Amino acid sequence: MFFVEEPLFDAIDRPHVTVTEAAPRVYVVVPHLAESDRDRETDIQRSLLDDAIAAERIAPDVLWYYTPMSLRFSDHLNAPAVVYDCMDELSNFAGAPPGLREAERALLRRAGVVFTGGRSLYEAKKHLHHNIHPFPSSVDIAHFAAARSSAVSDPPDQSAVPHPRIGFFGVIDERLDRALIGGLSDLRPQYHLVLVGPIVKIDPSSLPRAANIHYLGQKTYAELPQYLAGWDVAMLPFAPMSPLGTSVRRRRPSILPAAGPWSPHRLQMLSIRTAISGSVALRTPRRSSPRQ
């Protein structure tokens, strides 16, 4: 299996491609271009892809697309099966490339099957293809349930953050309701907001900053339960009009196994009094017995 990544514009002399074995029989293909190559990006990617296919002796049985824009440099390839895995409505994201909708129409014509990231995206696109299926989210219950164990220790970069903690993990991008985060910080300075994840596609200076807002950066998948274990509330602070797609529904199942017993009354009061929009999951101290 070969995953072709987006190009890195870090080539010093000439464009090239690297192929790395990330797991047994799973390879990551990364094109490396120079800054001066941006005007010829598509043609160069096409050439580099052909070079990688020849060098690795690839005869693809399946072409699996996560973004229609990849069709620009791979539309000359043939395979018995073409799959379009549509996880989000990418055209609604900030900085979406021009021509994305046209590229998606072309990919829909070529794909033999289409998967969507959840039910709502399926309902929005089901009329566009004859063989389209929702791909419901799942969760690694055992992995995230580890947050409920008394053996989990607070990570060093979170241990100094006072309680109560309200936490979020995920990509920090234009979907984040920055006004909500800043308003909550001002309204309840005794609450500490912990945001775990990489900052992408937005200027970090546009994020609210305060003594009770803590950006801890990107963590590995293995580390996430440790961070969740130290939160009193988990939040999904997406902007109401953001291109959520299935972001909330994908993230919520991961939070639930880490949560302790539920208190509907407490949930309601926190939602109203702190103006947290969307869904919140509460966990009680570990000394409490889990609800059966």
C-alpha atoms as a PDB file:
ATOM      1  CA  MET A   1       0.000   0.000   0.000  1.00  0.00           C
ATOM      2  CA  PHE A   2       1.373   3.389  -1.017  1.00  0.00           C
ATOM      3  CA  PHE A   3       0.138   6.647   0.524  1.00  0.00           C
ATOM      4  CA  VAL A   4       0.954   9.672  -1.603  1.00  0.00           C
ATOM      5  CA  GLU A   5       1.233  12.774   0.580  1.00  0.00           C
ATOM      6  CA  GLU A   6       0.930  16.440  -0.340  1.00  0.00           C
ATOM      7  CA  PRO A   7       4.230  17.913  -1.570  1.00  0.00           C
ATOM      8  CA  LEU A   8       6.782  19.583   0.654  1.00  0.00           C
ATOM      9  CA  PHE A   9       8.414  22.678  -0.812  1.00  0.00           C
ATOM     10  CA  ASP A  10      11.818  22.008   0.675  1.00  0.00           C
ATOM     11  CA  ALA A  11      13.886  20.809  -2.266  1.00  0.00           C
ATOM     12  CA  ILE A  12      17.173  22.666  -2.558  1.00  0.00           C
ATOM     13  CA  ASP A  13      18.349  21.649  -6.018  1.00  0.00           C
ATOM     14  CA  ARG A  14      15.777  19.625  -7.951  1.00  0.00           C
ATOM     15  CA  PRO A  15      12.388  17.976  -7.326  1.00  0.00           C
ATOM     16  CA  HIS A  16      12.508  14.445  -6.002  1.00  0.00           C
ATOM     17  CA  VAL A  17      10.381  11.920  -4.173  1.00  0.00           C
ATOM     18  CA  THR A  18      11.034   9.902  -1.025  1.00  0.00           C
ATOM     19  CA  VAL A  19       9.450   6.542  -0.266  1.00  0.00           C
ATOM     20  CA  THR A  20       9.465   5.418   3.366  1.00  0.00           C
ATOM     21  CA  GLU A  21       8.158   2.159   4.807  1.00  0.00           C
ATOM     22  CA  ALA A  22       5.957   3.314   7.695  1.00  0.00           C
ATOM     23  CA  ALA A  23       4.762  -0.201   8.560  1.00  0.00           C
ATOM     24  CA  PRO A  24       5.175  -3.623   6.966  1.00  0.00           C
ATOM     25  CA  ARG A  25       4.101  -3.226   3.300  1.00  0.00           C
ATOM     26  CA  VAL A  26       2.797   0.298   3.959  1.00  0.00           C
ATOM     27  CA  TYR A  27       4.797   3.029   2.231  1.00  0.00           C
ATOM     28  CA  VAL A  28       4.566   6.818   2.413  1.00  0.00           C
ATOM     29  CA  VAL A  29       5.412   8.690  -0.782  1.00  0.00           C
ATOM     30  CA  VAL A  30       6.361  12.352  -0.322  1.00  0.00           C
ATOM     31  CA  PRO A  31       7.119  14.660  -3.271  1.00  0.00           C
ATOM     32  CA  HIS A  32       9.738  17.319  -2.542  1.00  0.00           C
ATOM     33  CA  LEU A  33       9.548  20.465  -4.662  1.00  0.00           C
ATOM     34  CA  ALA A  34      11.385  23.798  -4.633  1.00  0.00           C
ATOM     35  CA  GLU A  35       9.599  27.058  -3.887  1.00  0.00           C
ATOM     36  CA  SER A  36      10.164  28.076  -7.473  1.00  0.00           C
ATOM     37  CA  ASP A  37       8.197  25.021  -8.633  1.00  0.00           C
ATOM     38  CA  ARG A  38       4.806  26.205  -7.376  1.00  0.00           C
ATOM     39  CA  ASP A  39       3.690  27.368 -10.816  1.00  0.00           C
ATOM     40  CA  ARG A  40       4.455  23.909 -12.226  1.00  0.00           C
ATOM     41  CA  GLU A  41       3.362  21.911  -9.206  1.00  0.00           C
ATOM     42  CA  THR A  42       0.840  19.678 -10.982  1.00  0.00           C
ATOM     43  CA  ASP A  43       3.146  18.715 -13.860  1.00  0.00           C
ATOM     44  CA  ILE A  44       6.045  18.001 -11.510  1.00  0.00           C
ATOM     45  CA  GLN A  45       3.892  15.905  -9.162  1.00  0.00           C
ATOM     46  CA  ARG A  46       2.665  13.888 -12.130  1.00  0.00           C
ATOM     47  CA  SER A  47       6.238  13.223 -13.230  1.00  0.00           C
ATOM     48  CA  LEU A  48       7.393  12.329  -9.715  1.00  0.00           C
ATOM     49  CA  LEU A  49       4.441   9.998  -9.255  1.00  0.00           C
ATOM     50  CA  ASP A  50       5.306   8.212 -12.497  1.00  0.00           C
ATOM     51  CA  ASP A  51       8.924   7.918 -11.357  1.00  0.00           C
ATOM     52  CA  ALA A  52       7.867   6.384  -8.029  1.00  0.00           C
ATOM     53  CA  ILE A  53       5.522   3.929  -9.737  1.00  0.00           C
ATOM     54  CA  ALA A  54       8.296   2.818 -12.078  1.00  0.00           C
ATOM     55  CA  ALA A  55      10.948   2.603  -9.365  1.00  0.00           C
ATOM     56  CA  GLU A  56       8.716   0.639  -6.987  1.00  0.00           C
ATOM     57  CA  ARG A  57       7.187  -1.447  -9.778  1.00  0.00           C
ATOM     58  CA  ILE A  58       3.668  -0.565  -8.699  1.00  0.00           C
ATOM     59  CA  ALA A  59       0.688  -1.945 -10.600  1.00  0.00           C
ATOM     60  CA  PRO A  60      -2.207  -0.409  -8.650  1.00  0.00           C
ATOM     61  CA  ASP A  61      -5.304  -2.507  -8.103  1.00  0.00           C
ATOM     62  CA  VAL A  62      -7.095   0.355  -6.342  1.00  0.00           C
ATOM     63  CA  LEU A  63      -6.788   4.130  -6.596  1.00  0.00           C
ATOM     64  CA  TRP A  64      -8.134   5.490  -3.295  1.00  0.00           C
ATOM     65  CA  TYR A  65      -8.697   9.249  -3.182  1.00  0.00           C
ATOM     66  CA  TYR A  66      -9.075  11.325  -0.018  1.00  0.00           C
ATOM     67  CA  THR A  67      -9.167  14.610  -1.927  1.00  0.00           C
ATOM     68  CA  PRO A  68     -10.338  15.337  -5.460  1.00  0.00           C
ATOM     69  CA  MET A  69      -7.349  17.638  -5.990  1.00  0.00           C
ATOM     70  CA  SER A  70      -5.084  14.582  -6.262  1.00  0.00           C
ATOM     71  CA  LEU A  71      -6.834  13.797  -9.521  1.00  0.00           C
ATOM     72  CA  ARG A  72      -4.944  16.676 -11.161  1.00  0.00           C
ATOM     73  CA  PHE A  73      -1.683  14.733 -11.250  1.00  0.00           C
ATOM     74  CA  SER A  74      -3.045  11.164 -11.315  1.00  0.00           C
ATOM     75  CA  ASP A  75      -5.911  11.220 -13.814  1.00  0.00           C
ATOM     76  CA  HIS A  76      -3.749   9.346 -16.323  1.00  0.00           C
ATOM     77  CA  LEU A  77      -3.469   6.306 -14.046  1.00  0.00           C
ATOM     78  CA  ASN A  78      -5.682   3.274 -14.505  1.00  0.00           C
ATOM     79  CA  ALA A  79      -6.776   0.683 -11.965  1.00  0.00           C
ATOM     80  CA  PRO A  80      -9.573  -1.890 -11.727  1.00  0.00           C
ATOM     81  CA  ALA A  81     -11.139   0.068  -8.859  1.00  0.00           C
ATOM     82  CA  VAL A  82     -11.367   3.781  -8.007  1.00  0.00           C
ATOM     83  CA  VAL A  83     -12.600   4.860  -4.572  1.00  0.00           C
ATOM     84  CA  TYR A  84     -13.506   8.351  -3.395  1.00  0.00           C
ATOM     85  CA  ASP A  85     -13.326   8.555   0.407  1.00  0.00           C
ATOM     86  CA  CYS A  86     -15.034  11.860   1.185  1.00  0.00           C
ATOM     87  CA  MET A  87     -14.454  12.570   4.872  1.00  0.00           C
ATOM     88  CA  ASP A  88     -15.432  16.269   4.903  1.00  0.00           C
ATOM     89  CA  GLU A  89     -16.907  18.968   2.698  1.00  0.00           C
ATOM     90  CA  LEU A  90     -13.467  20.277   1.817  1.00  0.00           C
ATOM     91  CA  SER A  91     -14.777  23.111  -0.353  1.00  0.00           C
ATOM     92  CA  ASN A  92     -16.090  24.867   2.757  1.00  0.00           C
ATOM     93  CA  PHE A  93     -12.717  25.008   4.478  1.00  0.00           C
ATOM     94  CA  ALA A  94     -10.666  28.172   4.626  1.00  0.00           C
ATOM     95  CA  GLY A  95      -8.073  28.262   1.873  1.00  0.00           C
ATOM     96  CA  ALA A  96      -9.824  25.620  -0.219  1.00  0.00           C
ATOM     97  CA  PRO A  97      -8.067  25.487  -3.595  1.00  0.00           C
ATOM     98  CA  PRO A  98      -9.881  26.871  -6.626  1.00  0.00           C
ATOM     99  CA  GLY A  99     -11.347  24.193  -8.823  1.00  0.00           C
ATOM    100  CA  LEU A 100     -12.088  21.826  -5.944  1.00  0.00           C
ATOM    101  CA  ARG A 101     -15.771  21.433  -6.788  1.00  0.00           C
ATOM    102  CA  GLU A 102     -14.977  20.796 -10.465  1.00  0.00           C
ATOM    103  CA  ALA A 103     -12.348  18.238  -9.477  1.00  0.00           C
ATOM    104  CA  GLU A 104     -14.863  16.486  -7.231  1.00  0.00           C
ATOM    105  CA  ARG A 105     -17.370  16.233 -10.073  1.00  0.00           C
ATOM    106  CA  ALA A 106     -14.685  14.655 -12.241  1.00  0.00           C
ATOM    107  CA  LEU A 107     -13.751  12.198  -9.488  1.00  0.00           C
ATOM    108  CA  LEU A 108     -17.399  11.279  -8.906  1.00  0.00           C
ATOM    109  CA  ARG A 109     -17.710  10.421 -12.586  1.00  0.00           C
ATOM    110  CA  ARG A 110     -14.673   8.160 -12.392  1.00  0.00           C
ATOM    111  CA  ALA A 111     -15.153   6.513  -8.980  1.00  0.00           C
ATOM    112  CA  GLY A 112     -16.806   3.128  -8.761  1.00  0.00           C
ATOM    113  CA  VAL A 113     -17.734   3.646  -5.114  1.00  0.00           C
ATOM    114  CA  VAL A 114     -17.941   6.642  -2.780  1.00  0.00           C
ATOM    115  CA  PHE A 115     -17.725   6.634   1.016  1.00  0.00           C
ATOM    116  CA  THR A 116     -18.744   9.605   3.150  1.00  0.00           C
ATOM    117  CA  GLY A 117     -17.615  10.516   6.637  1.00  0.00           C
ATOM    118  CA  GLY A 118     -20.942  10.053   8.371  1.00  0.00           C
ATOM    119  CA  ARG A 119     -24.650  10.304   7.712  1.00  0.00           C
ATOM    120  CA  SER A 120     -25.022  14.050   7.151  1.00  0.00           C
ATOM    121  CA  LEU A 121     -22.368  14.132   4.427  1.00  0.00           C
ATOM    122  CA  TYR A 122     -24.022  11.116   2.843  1.00  0.00           C
ATOM    123  CA  GLU A 123     -27.388  12.894   2.779  1.00  0.00           C
ATOM    124  CA  ALA A 124     -25.767  15.922   1.121  1.00  0.00           C
ATOM    125  CA  LYS A 125     -24.081  13.875  -1.615  1.00  0.00           C
ATOM    126  CA  LYS A 126     -26.212  10.776  -2.117  1.00  0.00           C
ATOM    127  CA  HIS A 127     -27.776  12.212  -5.265  1.00  0.00           C
ATOM    128  CA  LEU A 128     -24.339  12.664  -6.868  1.00  0.00           C
ATOM    129  CA  HIS A 129     -23.402   8.986  -7.249  1.00  0.00           C
ATOM    130  CA  HIS A 130     -25.181   5.677  -7.797  1.00  0.00           C
ATOM    131  CA  ASN A 131     -22.944   3.722  -5.392  1.00  0.00           C
ATOM    132  CA  ILE A 132     -22.407   5.899  -2.317  1.00  0.00           C
ATOM    133  CA  HIS A 133     -22.324   4.732   1.297  1.00  0.00           C
ATOM    134  CA  PRO A 134     -22.026   6.437   4.699  1.00  0.00           C
ATOM    135  CA  PHE A 135     -18.954   5.447   6.671  1.00  0.00           C
ATOM    136  CA  PRO A 136     -20.017   5.808  10.326  1.00  0.00           C
ATOM    137  CA  SER A 137     -17.413   6.708  12.904  1.00  0.00           C
ATOM    138  CA  SER A 138     -16.106   4.189  15.374  1.00  0.00           C
ATOM    139  CA  VAL A 139     -13.914   4.435  18.423  1.00  0.00           C
ATOM    140  CA  ASP A 140     -11.074   2.512  20.011  1.00  0.00           C
ATOM    141  CA  ILE A 141     -12.952   1.994  23.270  1.00  0.00           C
ATOM    142  CA  ALA A 142     -10.196   0.137  25.101  1.00  0.00           C
ATOM    143  CA  HIS A 143      -7.640   2.796  24.170  1.00  0.00           C
ATOM    144  CA  PHE A 144      -9.608   5.809  25.385  1.00  0.00           C
ATOM    145  CA  ALA A 145     -11.163   3.992  28.351  1.00  0.00           C
ATOM    146  CA  ALA A 146      -7.647   3.849  29.775  1.00  0.00           C
ATOM    147  CA  ALA A 147      -8.233   7.461  30.844  1.00  0.00           C
ATOM    148  CA  ARG A 148     -10.511   6.116  33.599  1.00  0.00           C
ATOM    149  CA  SER A 149      -7.737   4.104  35.206  1.00  0.00           C
ATOM    150  CA  SER A 150      -6.256   5.321  38.467  1.00  0.00           C
ATOM    151  CA  ALA A 151      -2.853   4.273  37.132  1.00  0.00           C
ATOM    152  CA  VAL A 152      -2.803   7.041  34.523  1.00  0.00           C
ATOM    153  CA  SER A 153      -0.500   9.890  35.485  1.00  0.00           C
ATOM    154  CA  ASP A 154      -0.859  13.513  34.462  1.00  0.00           C
ATOM    155  CA  PRO A 155       1.584  14.453  31.661  1.00  0.00           C
ATOM    156  CA  PRO A 156       4.324  16.872  32.764  1.00  0.00           C
ATOM    157  CA  ASP A 157       3.138  19.746  30.570  1.00  0.00           C
ATOM    158  CA  GLN A 158      -0.388  19.465  31.969  1.00  0.00           C
ATOM    159  CA  SER A 159       0.316  18.678  35.626  1.00  0.00           C
ATOM    160  CA  ALA A 160       0.880  22.331  36.528  1.00  0.00           C
ATOM    161  CA  VAL A 161      -2.463  23.439  35.059  1.00  0.00           C
ATOM    162  CA  PRO A 162      -4.936  24.100  37.891  1.00  0.00           C
ATOM    163  CA  HIS A 163      -8.402  22.588  38.107  1.00  0.00           C
ATOM    164  CA  PRO A 164     -11.111  22.725  36.963  1.00  0.00           C
ATOM    165  CA  ARG A 165      -9.837  21.904  33.485  1.00  0.00           C
ATOM    166  CA  ILE A 166     -11.913  22.039  30.315  1.00  0.00           C
ATOM    167  CA  GLY A 167     -10.142  20.163  27.541  1.00  0.00           C
ATOM    168  CA  PHE A 168     -10.197  19.689  23.786  1.00  0.00           C
ATOM    169  CA  PHE A 169      -8.052  17.524  21.517  1.00  0.00           C
ATOM    170  CA  GLY A 170      -7.896  17.737  17.757  1.00  0.00           C
ATOM    171  CA  VAL A 171      -6.649  19.914  14.958  1.00  0.00           C
ATOM    172  CA  ILE A 172      -6.842  23.603  15.872  1.00  0.00           C
ATOM    173  CA  ASP A 173      -7.939  25.316  12.673  1.00  0.00           C
ATOM    174  CA  GLU A 174     -10.635  27.633  11.323  1.00  0.00           C
ATOM    175  CA  ARG A 175     -13.382  25.390  12.696  1.00  0.00           C
ATOM    176  CA  LEU A 176     -12.462  26.312  16.274  1.00  0.00           C
ATOM    177  CA  ASP A 177     -14.775  28.916  17.779  1.00  0.00           C
ATOM    178  CA  ARG A 178     -12.040  31.295  18.858  1.00  0.00           C
ATOM    179  CA  ALA A 179     -14.516  33.886  20.093  1.00  0.00           C
ATOM    180  CA  LEU A 180     -16.135  31.254  22.305  1.00  0.00           C
ATOM    181  CA  ILE A 181     -12.780  30.212  23.782  1.00  0.00           C
ATOM    182  CA  GLY A 182     -11.811  33.809  24.477  1.00  0.00           C
ATOM    183  CA  GLY A 183     -15.244  34.657  25.895  1.00  0.00           C
ATOM    184  CA  LEU A 184     -15.260  31.629  28.169  1.00  0.00           C
ATOM    185  CA  SER A 185     -11.783  32.495  29.397  1.00  0.00           C
ATOM    186  CA  ASP A 186     -12.915  36.016  30.295  1.00  0.00           C
ATOM    187  CA  LEU A 187     -16.242  34.935  31.783  1.00  0.00           C
ATOM    188  CA  ARG A 188     -14.801  32.209  34.005  1.00  0.00           C
ATOM    189  CA  PRO A 189     -11.139  32.999  34.734  1.00  0.00           C
ATOM    190  CA  GLN A 190     -11.101  30.236  37.362  1.00  0.00           C
ATOM    191  CA  TYR A 191     -11.593  27.632  34.618  1.00  0.00           C
ATOM    192  CA  HIS A 192      -8.522  26.471  32.723  1.00  0.00           C
ATOM    193  CA  LEU A 193      -8.901  25.627  29.041  1.00  0.00           C
ATOM    194  CA  VAL A 194      -6.531  22.958  27.744  1.00  0.00           C
ATOM    195  CA  LEU A 195      -6.234  22.570  23.968  1.00  0.00           C
ATOM    196  CA  VAL A 196      -4.209  19.642  22.650  1.00  0.00           C
ATOM    197  CA  GLY A 197      -3.395  19.492  18.945  1.00  0.00           C
ATOM    198  CA  PRO A 198      -1.493  21.089  16.079  1.00  0.00           C
ATOM    199  CA  ILE A 199      -2.333  24.607  14.881  1.00  0.00           C
ATOM    200  CA  VAL A 200      -2.868  24.500  11.115  1.00  0.00           C
ATOM    201  CA  LYS A 201      -4.240  26.763   8.385  1.00  0.00           C
ATOM    202  CA  ILE A 202      -4.665  29.713  10.757  1.00  0.00           C
ATOM    203  CA  ASP A 203      -2.303  32.334  12.151  1.00  0.00           C
ATOM    204  CA  PRO A 204      -1.353  31.290  15.715  1.00  0.00           C
ATOM    205  CA  SER A 205      -1.552  34.973  16.676  1.00  0.00           C
ATOM    206  CA  SER A 206      -5.298  34.863  15.939  1.00  0.00           C
ATOM    207  CA  LEU A 207      -5.884  32.471  18.832  1.00  0.00           C
ATOM    208  CA  PRO A 208      -7.081  33.894  22.149  1.00  0.00           C
ATOM    209  CA  ARG A 209      -4.357  34.117  24.770  1.00  0.00           C
ATOM    210  CA  ALA A 210      -4.807  34.295  28.518  1.00  0.00           C
ATOM    211  CA  ALA A 211      -3.337  32.885  31.697  1.00  0.00           C
ATOM    212  CA  ASN A 212      -6.099  30.275  31.817  1.00  0.00           C
ATOM    213  CA  ILE A 213      -5.746  29.113  28.178  1.00  0.00           C
ATOM    214  CA  HIS A 214      -3.133  26.430  27.592  1.00  0.00           C
ATOM    215  CA  TYR A 215      -2.057  25.256  24.123  1.00  0.00           C
ATOM    216  CA  LEU A 216      -0.096  22.057  24.644  1.00  0.00           C
ATOM    217  CA  GLY A 217       0.651  21.218  21.007  1.00  0.00           C
ATOM    218  CA  GLN A 218       0.319  17.988  19.072  1.00  0.00           C
ATOM    219  CA  LYS A 219       0.482  14.678  20.934  1.00  0.00           C
ATOM    220  CA  THR A 220       0.708  11.097  19.781  1.00  0.00           C
ATOM    221  CA  TYR A 221      -2.361   8.908  19.662  1.00  0.00           C
ATOM    222  CA  ALA A 222      -0.924   6.833  22.506  1.00  0.00           C
ATOM    223  CA  GLU A 223      -0.638   9.908  24.741  1.00  0.00           C
ATOM    224  CA  LEU A 224      -4.207  11.177  24.368  1.00  0.00           C
ATOM    225  CA  PRO A 225      -5.821   9.127  27.197  1.00  0.00           C
ATOM    226  CA  GLN A 226      -3.302  10.591  29.643  1.00  0.00           C
ATOM    227  CA  TYR A 227      -4.457  14.101  28.816  1.00  0.00           C
ATOM    228  CA  LEU A 228      -8.163  13.236  28.873  1.00  0.00           C
ATOM    229  CA  ALA A 229      -7.739  11.601  32.282  1.00  0.00           C
ATOM    230  CA  GLY A 230      -6.752  14.953  33.775  1.00  0.00           C
ATOM    231  CA  TRP A 231      -9.744  16.922  32.467  1.00  0.00           C
ATOM    232  CA  ASP A 232     -12.896  17.730  34.400  1.00  0.00           C
ATOM    233  CA  VAL A 233     -14.856  18.556  31.259  1.00  0.00           C
ATOM    234  CA  ALA A 234     -14.251  17.689  27.613  1.00  0.00           C
ATOM    235  CA  MET A 235     -15.544  20.157  25.042  1.00  0.00           C
ATOM    236  CA  LEU A 236     -16.032  20.333  21.285  1.00  0.00           C
ATOM    237  CA  PRO A 237     -15.842  24.093  20.704  1.00  0.00           C
ATOM    238  CA  PHE A 238     -16.543  24.240  16.986  1.00  0.00           C
ATOM    239  CA  ALA A 239     -17.968  27.427  15.486  1.00  0.00           C
ATOM    240  CA  PRO A 240     -21.707  27.067  14.702  1.00  0.00           C
ATOM    241  CA  MET A 241     -21.256  27.918  11.018  1.00  0.00           C
ATOM    242  CA  SER A 242     -17.943  26.135  10.493  1.00  0.00           C
ATOM    243  CA  PRO A 243     -17.565  23.324   7.939  1.00  0.00           C
ATOM    244  CA  LEU A 244     -17.925  20.665  10.621  1.00  0.00           C
ATOM    245  CA  GLY A 245     -18.769  17.811   8.314  1.00  0.00           C
ATOM    246  CA  THR A 246     -18.570  14.929  10.763  1.00  0.00           C
ATOM    247  CA  SER A 247     -15.930  16.444  13.048  1.00  0.00           C
ATOM    248  CA  VAL A 248     -18.166  16.537  16.130  1.00  0.00           C
ATOM    249  CA  ARG A 249     -19.551  13.057  15.570  1.00  0.00           C
ATOM    250  CA  ARG A 250     -16.067  11.622  14.975  1.00  0.00           C
ATOM    251  CA  ARG A 251     -14.590  13.243  18.065  1.00  0.00           C
ATOM    252  CA  ARG A 252     -17.479  12.607  20.481  1.00  0.00           C
ATOM    253  CA  PRO A 253     -17.173   8.778  20.429  1.00  0.00           C
ATOM    254  CA  SER A 254     -13.491   9.087  21.367  1.00  0.00           C
ATOM    255  CA  ILE A 255     -14.321  11.254  24.357  1.00  0.00           C
ATOM    256  CA  LEU A 256     -17.136   9.129  25.760  1.00  0.00           C
ATOM    257  CA  PRO A 257     -15.089   6.061  26.821  1.00  0.00           C
ATOM    258  CA  ALA A 258     -12.789   8.391  28.780  1.00  0.00           C
ATOM    259  CA  ALA A 259     -15.664  10.011  30.655  1.00  0.00           C
ATOM    260  CA  GLY A 260     -16.757   8.888  34.073  1.00  0.00           C
ATOM    261  CA  PRO A 261     -20.348   8.778  35.333  1.00  0.00           C
ATOM    262  CA  TRP A 262     -22.670  11.337  33.792  1.00  0.00           C
ATOM    263  CA  SER A 263     -24.531  14.110  35.588  1.00  0.00           C
ATOM    264  CA  PRO A 264     -27.241  15.561  33.300  1.00  0.00           C
ATOM    265  CA  HIS A 265     -27.917  18.404  35.724  1.00  0.00           C
ATOM    266  CA  ARG A 266     -24.266  19.397  35.919  1.00  0.00           C
ATOM    267  CA  LEU A 267     -23.949  19.092  32.169  1.00  0.00           C
ATOM    268  CA  GLN A 268     -26.851  21.450  31.635  1.00  0.00           C
ATOM    269  CA  MET A 269     -25.586  24.030  34.103  1.00  0.00           C
ATOM    270  CA  LEU A 270     -22.086  24.080  32.593  1.00  0.00           C
ATOM    271  CA  SER A 271     -23.519  24.389  29.110  1.00  0.00           C
ATOM    272  CA  ILE A 272     -25.613  27.400  30.027  1.00  0.00           C
ATOM    273  CA  ARG A 273     -23.448  29.229  32.539  1.00  0.00           C
ATOM    274  CA  THR A 274     -20.159  28.955  30.670  1.00  0.00           C
ATOM    275  CA  ALA A 275     -21.629  29.281  27.164  1.00  0.00           C
ATOM    276  CA  ILE A 276     -20.063  26.071  25.909  1.00  0.00           C
ATOM    277  CA  SER A 277     -21.601  25.277  22.541  1.00  0.00           C
ATOM    278  CA  GLY A 278     -21.918  21.800  21.124  1.00  0.00           C
ATOM    279  CA  SER A 279     -21.326  18.697  23.202  1.00  0.00           C
ATOM    280  CA  VAL A 280     -19.528  18.320  26.511  1.00  0.00           C
ATOM    281  CA  ALA A 281     -18.598  15.155  28.349  1.00  0.00           C
ATOM    282  CA  LEU A 282     -18.130  15.157  32.107  1.00  0.00           C
ATOM    283  CA  ARG A 283     -16.097  12.876  34.274  1.00  0.00           C
ATOM    284  CA  THR A 284     -16.259  12.699  38.027  1.00  0.00           C
ATOM    285  CA  PRO A 285     -13.305  12.011  40.334  1.00  0.00           C
ATOM    286  CA  ARG A 286     -11.896   8.507  40.034  1.00  0.00           C
ATOM    287  CA  ARG A 287     -12.983   7.640  43.536  1.00  0.00           C
ATOM    288  CA  SER A 288     -16.599   7.506  42.371  1.00  0.00           C
ATOM    289  CA  SER A 289     -17.953   4.175  41.245  1.00  0.00           C
ATOM    290  CA  PRO A 290     -18.814   4.013  37.544  1.00  0.00           C
ATOM    291  CA  ARG A 291     -22.462   3.894  36.701  1.00  0.00           C
ATOM    292  CA  GLN A 292     -23.560   0.511  35.390  1.00  0.00           C
END
